[in-house]
Amino acid sequence: MLANHGMSCILFTRSVHKTTYFVVFCFFLLAGCSTEESTTQVGQLCAMQDKYEDADTTGTQLSRECSFNTGFGPVELRSSDPLMTVEQPISMHLRTPLETVIVASEITGLSMYMGRIPVVWQPITANLWQADIYLGACTDPDMLWQLEISIAHATKLDDVEQVNISFQSQW
């Protein structure tokens, strides 16, 4: 009889361990699927303003909601399509502090891996740059992206600062 009781304890202990592992696995699985944090941190980009197209922007005041601080000073990003609609050509303008240049730039997916999309900026004025991009569609209708821009002082190209700007695209 003692042998049967010992066997029952071993089976019960194994069952408890399996149940515990299953509960812990389910908790981490469900906690990892939460999207609450990612949707509250990202907003839409600002729309382009026609006045920037032909005007000298060196003395223009930056818009606070479109501006991002860097060690060189604020940069401002605007888009022809603030909703960043996928599979549509999108033109972006970036205003940088005077005497800075864009060394490198790319877009990567935050919600899921979408590869690296190179972004080539063309100068319009001394501190206004334009790039045309095309975002690919994926299974997430509200995909999160990150634009990475490496900016350097025009005379000190080894002094580089990377600016990361997150945004959301839509179908």
N, C-alpha and C. Protein backbone atom coordinates (compact mmCIF):
# COMPACT_ATOMS: atom_id res chain seq x y z
N MET A 1 0.81 -1.18 0.00
CA MET A 1 0.00 0.00 0.00
C MET A 1 0.86 1.25 0.00
N LEU A 2 1.97 1.21 0.70
CA LEU A 2 2.87 2.34 0.74
C LEU A 2 3.46 2.61 -0.64
N ALA A 3 3.69 1.55 -1.41
CA ALA A 3 4.22 1.72 -2.76
C ALA A 3 3.22 2.44 -3.65
N ASN A 4 1.93 2.11 -3.52
CA ASN A 4 0.90 2.79 -4.31
C ASN A 4 0.80 4.27 -3.93
N HIS A 5 0.94 4.57 -2.65
CA HIS A 5 0.88 5.97 -2.21
C HIS A 5 2.06 6.76 -2.76
N GLY A 6 3.23 6.15 -2.77
CA GLY A 6 4.43 6.81 -3.31
C GLY A 6 4.29 7.10 -4.79
N MET A 7 3.69 6.16 -5.54
CA MET A 7 3.47 6.33 -6.96
C MET A 7 2.49 7.47 -7.22
N SER A 8 1.46 7.58 -6.38
CA SER A 8 0.47 8.66 -6.52
C SER A 8 1.13 10.01 -6.30
N CYS A 9 2.02 10.11 -5.33
CA CYS A 9 2.69 11.38 -5.06
C CYS A 9 3.57 11.80 -6.23
N ILE A 10 4.26 10.84 -6.84
CA ILE A 10 5.12 11.15 -7.98
C ILE A 10 4.27 11.64 -9.16
N LEU A 11 3.17 10.97 -9.44
CA LEU A 11 2.29 11.39 -10.54
C LEU A 11 1.69 12.75 -10.26
N PHE A 12 1.29 13.01 -9.02
CA PHE A 12 0.72 14.31 -8.67
C PHE A 12 1.76 15.41 -8.83
N THR A 13 3.00 15.16 -8.40
CA THR A 13 4.07 16.15 -8.51
C THR A 13 4.36 16.46 -9.97
N ARG A 14 4.41 15.47 -10.83
CA ARG A 14 4.65 15.70 -12.27
C ARG A 14 3.50 16.50 -12.87
N SER A 15 2.29 16.21 -12.47
CA SER A 15 1.12 16.93 -12.98
C SER A 15 1.16 18.40 -12.57
N VAL A 16 1.54 18.66 -11.33
CA VAL A 16 1.63 20.05 -10.85
C VAL A 16 2.71 20.80 -11.63
N HIS A 17 3.86 20.17 -11.86
CA HIS A 17 4.93 20.81 -12.61
C HIS A 17 4.49 21.12 -14.04
N LYS A 18 3.83 20.20 -14.69
CA LYS A 18 3.35 20.42 -16.05
C LYS A 18 2.33 21.56 -16.09
N THR A 19 1.44 21.59 -15.12
CA THR A 19 0.43 22.65 -15.06
C THR A 19 1.09 24.00 -14.82
N THR A 20 2.06 24.04 -13.93
CA THR A 20 2.78 25.29 -13.65
C THR A 20 3.49 25.79 -14.89
N TYR A 21 4.20 24.90 -15.59
CA TYR A 21 4.89 25.30 -16.82
C TYR A 21 3.90 25.81 -17.86
N PHE A 22 2.76 25.16 -17.97
CA PHE A 22 1.75 25.58 -18.95
C PHE A 22 1.21 26.97 -18.61
N VAL A 23 0.91 27.23 -17.35
CA VAL A 23 0.37 28.53 -16.93
C VAL A 23 1.41 29.62 -17.18
N VAL A 24 2.66 29.38 -16.82
CA VAL A 24 3.72 30.37 -17.03
C VAL A 24 3.90 30.63 -18.53
N PHE A 25 3.90 29.59 -19.35
CA PHE A 25 4.03 29.75 -20.80
C PHE A 25 2.89 30.59 -21.36
N CYS A 26 1.66 30.31 -20.95
CA CYS A 26 0.50 31.08 -21.44
C CYS A 26 0.59 32.54 -21.01
N PHE A 27 1.03 32.80 -19.80
CA PHE A 27 1.16 34.18 -19.33
C PHE A 27 2.13 34.96 -20.20
N PHE A 28 3.32 34.40 -20.47
CA PHE A 28 4.29 35.10 -21.29
C PHE A 28 3.82 35.23 -22.74
N LEU A 29 3.13 34.25 -23.24
CA LEU A 29 2.60 34.31 -24.60
C LEU A 29 1.60 35.43 -24.73
N LEU A 30 0.66 35.53 -23.80
CA LEU A 30 -0.36 36.58 -23.85
C LEU A 30 0.23 37.95 -23.56
N ALA A 31 1.17 38.05 -22.65
CA ALA A 31 1.78 39.35 -22.34
C ALA A 31 2.58 39.87 -23.52
N GLY A 32 3.19 38.99 -24.29
CA GLY A 32 3.97 39.40 -25.46
C GLY A 32 3.11 39.86 -26.61
N CYS A 33 1.84 39.56 -26.64
CA CYS A 33 0.96 39.93 -27.74
C CYS A 33 0.27 41.27 -27.53
N SER A 34 0.52 41.93 -26.43
CA SER A 34 -0.14 43.21 -26.16
C SER A 34 0.38 44.28 -27.11
N THR A 35 -0.53 45.09 -27.71
CA THR A 35 -0.14 46.17 -28.60
C THR A 35 -0.43 47.53 -27.99
N GLU A 36 -0.81 47.59 -26.75
CA GLU A 36 -1.20 48.84 -26.13
C GLU A 36 -0.06 49.85 -26.11
N GLU A 37 1.13 49.41 -25.77
CA GLU A 37 2.25 50.33 -25.66
C GLU A 37 2.64 50.92 -27.00
N SER A 38 2.68 50.12 -28.06
CA SER A 38 3.16 50.60 -29.35
C SER A 38 2.19 51.57 -30.01
N THR A 39 0.91 51.46 -29.78
CA THR A 39 -0.03 52.35 -30.44
C THR A 39 -0.15 53.70 -29.74
N THR A 40 0.26 53.81 -28.50
CA THR A 40 0.15 55.09 -27.81
C THR A 40 1.39 55.95 -27.97
N GLN A 41 2.49 55.39 -28.39
CA GLN A 41 3.73 56.14 -28.46
C GLN A 41 3.96 56.80 -29.82
N VAL A 42 3.26 56.41 -30.83
CA VAL A 42 3.54 56.89 -32.18
C VAL A 42 2.39 57.74 -32.68
N GLY A 43 2.71 58.89 -33.24
CA GLY A 43 1.70 59.76 -33.81
C GLY A 43 1.91 59.93 -35.30
N GLN A 44 1.07 60.72 -35.90
CA GLN A 44 1.21 61.00 -37.32
C GLN A 44 2.28 62.05 -37.53
N LEU A 45 2.85 62.03 -38.73
CA LEU A 45 3.80 63.06 -39.11
C LEU A 45 3.04 64.31 -39.51
N CYS A 46 3.73 65.43 -39.53
CA CYS A 46 3.11 66.69 -39.92
C CYS A 46 3.04 66.80 -41.43
N ALA A 47 2.05 67.55 -41.89
CA ALA A 47 1.88 67.77 -43.32
C ALA A 47 2.85 68.84 -43.80
N MET A 48 3.20 68.75 -45.08
CA MET A 48 4.06 69.78 -45.67
C MET A 48 3.28 71.07 -45.81
N GLN A 49 4.01 72.15 -45.78
CA GLN A 49 3.41 73.46 -46.03
C GLN A 49 4.01 74.02 -47.31
N ASP A 50 3.17 74.57 -48.15
CA ASP A 50 3.62 75.07 -49.44
C ASP A 50 4.67 76.16 -49.33
N LYS A 51 4.66 76.93 -48.23
CA LYS A 51 5.60 78.03 -48.11
C LYS A 51 7.05 77.56 -48.06
N TYR A 52 7.29 76.28 -47.70
CA TYR A 52 8.67 75.79 -47.63
C TYR A 52 9.23 75.46 -49.00
N GLU A 53 8.38 75.28 -50.00
CA GLU A 53 8.84 74.85 -51.31
C GLU A 53 9.82 75.82 -51.95
N ASP A 54 9.49 77.12 -51.94
CA ASP A 54 10.31 78.09 -52.64
C ASP A 54 11.00 79.08 -51.72
N ALA A 55 10.65 79.07 -50.47
CA ALA A 55 11.18 80.09 -49.55
C ALA A 55 12.50 79.66 -48.94
N ASP A 56 13.29 80.65 -48.59
CA ASP A 56 14.50 80.40 -47.81
C ASP A 56 14.07 80.17 -46.37
N THR A 57 14.38 79.01 -45.82
CA THR A 57 13.83 78.64 -44.51
C THR A 57 14.80 78.88 -43.37
N THR A 58 15.88 79.61 -43.60
CA THR A 58 16.88 79.75 -42.54
C THR A 58 16.36 80.51 -41.34
N GLY A 59 15.42 81.43 -41.51
CA GLY A 59 14.91 82.21 -40.38
C GLY A 59 13.52 81.82 -39.95
N THR A 60 12.96 80.77 -40.54
CA THR A 60 11.59 80.38 -40.24
C THR A 60 11.52 79.67 -38.89
N GLN A 61 10.49 79.97 -38.12
CA GLN A 61 10.28 79.33 -36.82
C GLN A 61 9.86 77.87 -37.02
N LEU A 62 10.43 76.96 -36.24
CA LEU A 62 10.07 75.55 -36.32
C LEU A 62 8.75 75.31 -35.62
N SER A 63 7.96 74.41 -36.18
CA SER A 63 6.71 74.01 -35.56
C SER A 63 7.02 73.03 -34.43
N ARG A 64 6.51 73.27 -33.23
CA ARG A 64 6.86 72.47 -32.07
C ARG A 64 6.47 71.00 -32.23
N GLU A 65 5.28 70.72 -32.79
CA GLU A 65 4.83 69.33 -32.87
C GLU A 65 5.55 68.52 -33.95
N CYS A 66 6.27 69.17 -34.84
CA CYS A 66 6.98 68.48 -35.91
C CYS A 66 8.48 68.47 -35.68
N SER A 67 8.92 69.02 -34.58
CA SER A 67 10.33 69.24 -34.32
C SER A 67 10.89 68.18 -33.38
N PHE A 68 12.14 67.79 -33.64
CA PHE A 68 12.84 66.80 -32.82
C PHE A 68 14.21 67.37 -32.47
N ASN A 69 14.59 67.29 -31.21
CA ASN A 69 15.85 67.87 -30.77
C ASN A 69 17.02 66.96 -31.07
N THR A 70 18.13 67.59 -31.46
CA THR A 70 19.40 66.88 -31.67
C THR A 70 20.50 67.69 -30.98
N GLY A 71 21.69 67.14 -30.95
CA GLY A 71 22.83 67.87 -30.40
C GLY A 71 23.22 69.07 -31.26
N PHE A 72 22.84 69.07 -32.53
CA PHE A 72 23.14 70.18 -33.43
C PHE A 72 22.04 71.24 -33.40
N GLY A 73 20.90 70.92 -32.83
CA GLY A 73 19.74 71.81 -32.82
C GLY A 73 18.53 71.03 -33.29
N PRO A 74 17.37 71.69 -33.37
CA PRO A 74 16.15 70.98 -33.76
C PRO A 74 16.11 70.64 -35.25
N VAL A 75 15.48 69.51 -35.56
CA VAL A 75 15.17 69.14 -36.95
C VAL A 75 13.66 69.03 -37.05
N GLU A 76 13.14 69.27 -38.23
CA GLU A 76 11.69 69.22 -38.44
C GLU A 76 11.40 68.32 -39.63
N LEU A 77 10.47 67.40 -39.45
CA LEU A 77 10.09 66.46 -40.50
C LEU A 77 8.64 66.68 -40.89
N ARG A 78 8.40 66.75 -42.20
CA ARG A 78 7.04 66.88 -42.73
C ARG A 78 6.87 65.91 -43.88
N SER A 79 5.61 65.53 -44.12
CA SER A 79 5.30 64.54 -45.14
C SER A 79 4.19 65.03 -46.05
N SER A 80 4.25 64.65 -47.33
CA SER A 80 3.16 64.98 -48.25
C SER A 80 1.90 64.20 -47.91
N ASP A 81 2.06 63.08 -47.19
CA ASP A 81 0.93 62.25 -46.75
C ASP A 81 1.14 61.92 -45.27
N PRO A 82 0.63 62.75 -44.36
CA PRO A 82 0.85 62.51 -42.93
C PRO A 82 0.34 61.15 -42.45
N LEU A 83 -0.62 60.54 -43.15
CA LEU A 83 -1.09 59.21 -42.78
C LEU A 83 -0.12 58.13 -43.20
N MET A 84 0.86 58.47 -44.03
CA MET A 84 1.88 57.55 -44.52
C MET A 84 1.23 56.30 -45.12
N THR A 85 0.40 56.51 -46.12
CA THR A 85 -0.33 55.43 -46.78
C THR A 85 0.66 54.53 -47.51
N VAL A 86 0.50 53.21 -47.31
CA VAL A 86 1.41 52.25 -47.94
C VAL A 86 1.13 52.16 -49.44
N GLU A 87 2.14 51.73 -50.17
CA GLU A 87 2.09 51.52 -51.61
C GLU A 87 1.66 52.77 -52.38
N GLN A 88 2.04 53.92 -51.84
CA GLN A 88 1.82 55.21 -52.49
C GLN A 88 3.12 56.00 -52.40
N PRO A 89 3.49 56.76 -53.45
CA PRO A 89 4.68 57.60 -53.32
C PRO A 89 4.46 58.70 -52.29
N ILE A 90 5.44 58.89 -51.43
CA ILE A 90 5.36 59.89 -50.36
C ILE A 90 6.61 60.75 -50.43
N SER A 91 6.42 62.05 -50.40
CA SER A 91 7.53 62.99 -50.38
C SER A 91 7.69 63.51 -48.96
N MET A 92 8.92 63.55 -48.47
CA MET A 92 9.18 64.05 -47.13
C MET A 92 10.17 65.20 -47.20
N HIS A 93 9.99 66.18 -46.32
CA HIS A 93 10.91 67.30 -46.18
C HIS A 93 11.51 67.26 -44.78
N LEU A 94 12.80 67.51 -44.70
CA LEU A 94 13.50 67.54 -43.43
C LEU A 94 14.28 68.85 -43.35
N ARG A 95 13.98 69.63 -42.32
CA ARG A 95 14.77 70.83 -42.07
C ARG A 95 15.77 70.52 -40.98
N THR A 96 17.03 70.83 -41.26
CA THR A 96 18.11 70.56 -40.32
C THR A 96 18.73 71.89 -39.89
N PRO A 97 19.48 71.89 -38.81
CA PRO A 97 20.20 73.10 -38.43
C PRO A 97 21.18 73.50 -39.54
N LEU A 98 21.49 74.78 -39.62
CA LEU A 98 22.45 75.26 -40.62
C LEU A 98 23.79 74.57 -40.44
N GLU A 99 24.51 74.42 -41.52
CA GLU A 99 25.84 73.81 -41.55
C GLU A 99 25.85 72.35 -41.10
N THR A 100 24.75 71.64 -41.37
CA THR A 100 24.72 70.20 -41.13
C THR A 100 24.41 69.49 -42.43
N VAL A 101 24.82 68.25 -42.52
CA VAL A 101 24.54 67.43 -43.69
C VAL A 101 23.98 66.09 -43.24
N ILE A 102 23.25 65.44 -44.13
CA ILE A 102 22.71 64.11 -43.85
C ILE A 102 23.71 63.10 -44.39
N VAL A 103 24.24 62.27 -43.51
CA VAL A 103 25.26 61.30 -43.87
C VAL A 103 24.63 60.01 -44.37
N ALA A 104 23.59 59.54 -43.71
CA ALA A 104 22.91 58.30 -44.08
C ALA A 104 21.49 58.33 -43.55
N SER A 105 20.62 57.54 -44.17
CA SER A 105 19.23 57.49 -43.71
C SER A 105 18.56 56.23 -44.22
N GLU A 106 17.71 55.64 -43.38
CA GLU A 106 16.96 54.46 -43.78
C GLU A 106 15.71 54.33 -42.91
N ILE A 107 14.75 53.55 -43.42
CA ILE A 107 13.52 53.25 -42.69
C ILE A 107 13.51 51.75 -42.41
N THR A 108 13.18 51.40 -41.17
CA THR A 108 13.04 49.99 -40.78
C THR A 108 11.70 49.79 -40.10
N GLY A 109 11.21 48.57 -40.15
CA GLY A 109 9.95 48.24 -39.49
C GLY A 109 10.15 47.99 -38.01
N LEU A 110 9.24 48.52 -37.19
CA LEU A 110 9.26 48.24 -35.75
C LEU A 110 8.27 47.15 -35.39
N SER A 111 7.09 47.15 -36.03
CA SER A 111 6.07 46.14 -35.73
C SER A 111 6.51 44.76 -36.21
N MET A 112 7.16 44.72 -37.35
CA MET A 112 7.66 43.47 -37.89
C MET A 112 8.81 43.78 -38.83
N TYR A 113 9.60 42.79 -39.13
CA TYR A 113 10.75 42.99 -40.01
C TYR A 113 10.27 43.21 -41.44
N MET A 114 10.68 44.33 -42.02
CA MET A 114 10.34 44.66 -43.40
C MET A 114 11.58 45.00 -44.21
N GLY A 115 12.73 44.60 -43.71
CA GLY A 115 13.98 44.94 -44.38
C GLY A 115 14.37 46.38 -44.07
N ARG A 116 15.33 46.87 -44.83
CA ARG A 116 15.79 48.25 -44.68
C ARG A 116 15.49 49.01 -45.96
N ILE A 117 14.80 50.13 -45.83
CA ILE A 117 14.46 50.96 -46.98
C ILE A 117 15.41 52.16 -46.97
N PRO A 118 16.33 52.23 -47.94
CA PRO A 118 17.23 53.39 -47.96
C PRO A 118 16.46 54.66 -48.30
N VAL A 119 16.84 55.75 -47.66
CA VAL A 119 16.22 57.05 -47.90
C VAL A 119 17.32 57.98 -48.40
N VAL A 120 17.14 58.50 -49.61
CA VAL A 120 18.13 59.40 -50.22
C VAL A 120 17.57 60.82 -50.17
N TRP A 121 18.23 61.68 -49.41
CA TRP A 121 17.81 63.07 -49.24
C TRP A 121 18.54 63.95 -50.25
N GLN A 122 17.78 64.81 -50.93
CA GLN A 122 18.34 65.76 -51.89
C GLN A 122 18.19 67.17 -51.30
N PRO A 123 19.24 67.99 -51.36
CA PRO A 123 19.12 69.35 -50.80
C PRO A 123 18.22 70.24 -51.68
N ILE A 124 17.35 70.99 -51.02
CA ILE A 124 16.52 71.99 -51.70
C ILE A 124 17.10 73.37 -51.44
N THR A 125 17.42 73.64 -50.17
CA THR A 125 18.11 74.87 -49.77
C THR A 125 19.24 74.46 -48.82
N ALA A 126 19.84 75.46 -48.15
CA ALA A 126 20.96 75.18 -47.26
C ALA A 126 20.59 74.24 -46.12
N ASN A 127 19.34 74.26 -45.67
CA ASN A 127 18.96 73.40 -44.55
C ASN A 127 17.62 72.68 -44.77
N LEU A 128 17.16 72.59 -46.01
CA LEU A 128 15.93 71.88 -46.32
C LEU A 128 16.24 70.76 -47.30
N TRP A 129 15.81 69.54 -46.95
CA TRP A 129 16.10 68.35 -47.73
C TRP A 129 14.80 67.68 -48.13
N GLN A 130 14.81 66.98 -49.26
CA GLN A 130 13.62 66.26 -49.72
C GLN A 130 14.01 64.82 -50.06
N ALA A 131 13.12 63.89 -49.69
CA ALA A 131 13.28 62.48 -50.05
C ALA A 131 11.93 61.94 -50.48
N ASP A 132 11.94 61.08 -51.47
CA ASP A 132 10.73 60.40 -51.93
C ASP A 132 10.83 58.94 -51.53
N ILE A 133 9.81 58.46 -50.84
CA ILE A 133 9.83 57.08 -50.35
C ILE A 133 8.58 56.35 -50.81
N TYR A 134 8.61 55.05 -50.62
CA TYR A 134 7.50 54.17 -50.96
C TYR A 134 7.49 53.06 -49.92
N LEU A 135 6.49 53.06 -49.03
CA LEU A 135 6.40 52.05 -47.97
C LEU A 135 5.65 50.83 -48.48
N GLY A 136 6.18 49.66 -48.20
CA GLY A 136 5.53 48.43 -48.59
C GLY A 136 4.39 48.06 -47.65
N ALA A 137 3.44 47.32 -48.16
CA ALA A 137 2.30 46.85 -47.36
C ALA A 137 2.70 45.58 -46.62
N CYS A 138 2.06 45.37 -45.48
CA CYS A 138 2.28 44.15 -44.71
C CYS A 138 0.94 43.74 -44.11
N THR A 139 0.96 42.75 -43.26
CA THR A 139 -0.29 42.25 -42.68
C THR A 139 -0.84 43.15 -41.59
N ASP A 140 -0.03 44.09 -41.11
CA ASP A 140 -0.46 45.00 -40.05
C ASP A 140 -0.99 46.28 -40.68
N PRO A 141 -2.28 46.59 -40.55
CA PRO A 141 -2.82 47.80 -41.18
C PRO A 141 -2.29 49.09 -40.55
N ASP A 142 -1.77 49.03 -39.34
CA ASP A 142 -1.20 50.19 -38.65
C ASP A 142 0.26 49.92 -38.31
N MET A 143 1.05 49.64 -39.34
CA MET A 143 2.46 49.29 -39.17
C MET A 143 3.24 50.42 -38.53
N LEU A 144 4.13 50.09 -37.62
CA LEU A 144 5.02 51.05 -36.98
C LEU A 144 6.38 51.00 -37.66
N TRP A 145 6.91 52.16 -37.99
CA TRP A 145 8.18 52.29 -38.70
C TRP A 145 9.11 53.20 -37.91
N GLN A 146 10.39 53.14 -38.24
CA GLN A 146 11.36 54.07 -37.66
C GLN A 146 12.23 54.62 -38.77
N LEU A 147 12.27 55.94 -38.86
CA LEU A 147 13.15 56.64 -39.78
C LEU A 147 14.43 56.97 -39.02
N GLU A 148 15.55 56.46 -39.50
CA GLU A 148 16.85 56.72 -38.87
C GLU A 148 17.63 57.66 -39.78
N ILE A 149 18.05 58.79 -39.23
CA ILE A 149 18.79 59.78 -39.99
C ILE A 149 20.09 60.08 -39.26
N SER A 150 21.22 59.94 -39.95
CA SER A 150 22.52 60.29 -39.39
C SER A 150 22.90 61.67 -39.90
N ILE A 151 23.05 62.62 -38.97
CA ILE A 151 23.36 64.01 -39.30
C ILE A 151 24.74 64.35 -38.76
N ALA A 152 25.51 65.11 -39.54
CA ALA A 152 26.84 65.53 -39.12
C ALA A 152 27.01 67.01 -39.40
N HIS A 153 27.95 67.63 -38.72
CA HIS A 153 28.30 69.02 -39.00
C HIS A 153 29.05 69.03 -40.34
N ALA A 154 28.78 70.02 -41.16
CA ALA A 154 29.32 70.06 -42.52
C ALA A 154 30.86 70.05 -42.55
N THR A 155 31.49 70.60 -41.54
CA THR A 155 32.96 70.64 -41.52
C THR A 155 33.58 69.56 -40.65
N LYS A 156 32.76 68.84 -39.91
CA LYS A 156 33.26 67.76 -39.04
C LYS A 156 32.44 66.50 -39.30
N LEU A 157 32.69 65.83 -40.41
CA LEU A 157 31.88 64.69 -40.81
C LEU A 157 32.03 63.48 -39.88
N ASP A 158 33.05 63.48 -39.02
CA ASP A 158 33.20 62.37 -38.08
C ASP A 158 32.35 62.56 -36.83
N ASP A 159 31.78 63.75 -36.64
CA ASP A 159 30.89 64.04 -35.51
C ASP A 159 29.45 63.81 -35.97
N VAL A 160 28.99 62.55 -35.85
CA VAL A 160 27.68 62.14 -36.38
C VAL A 160 26.71 61.88 -35.24
N GLU A 161 25.48 62.34 -35.43
CA GLU A 161 24.42 62.05 -34.47
C GLU A 161 23.27 61.38 -35.22
N GLN A 162 22.75 60.31 -34.64
CA GLN A 162 21.62 59.61 -35.26
C GLN A 162 20.32 60.06 -34.63
N VAL A 163 19.37 60.42 -35.50
CA VAL A 163 18.04 60.83 -35.08
C VAL A 163 17.08 59.70 -35.46
N ASN A 164 16.29 59.21 -34.51
CA ASN A 164 15.31 58.16 -34.76
C ASN A 164 13.91 58.73 -34.59
N ILE A 165 13.12 58.68 -35.66
CA ILE A 165 11.76 59.21 -35.63
C ILE A 165 10.80 58.07 -35.95
N SER A 166 9.93 57.73 -35.01
CA SER A 166 8.95 56.66 -35.21
C SER A 166 7.68 57.24 -35.79
N PHE A 167 7.05 56.47 -36.68
CA PHE A 167 5.77 56.89 -37.26
C PHE A 167 4.96 55.67 -37.59
N GLN A 168 3.69 55.89 -37.92
CA GLN A 168 2.76 54.82 -38.21
C GLN A 168 2.24 54.97 -39.63
N SER A 169 2.14 53.87 -40.35
CA SER A 169 1.55 53.90 -41.70
C SER A 169 0.17 53.27 -41.64
N GLN A 170 -0.60 53.49 -42.70
CA GLN A 170 -1.94 52.93 -42.77
C GLN A 170 -2.21 52.43 -44.18
N TRP A 171 -3.17 51.51 -44.28
CA TRP A 171 -3.58 51.01 -45.59
C TRP A 171 -4.48 52.00 -46.25
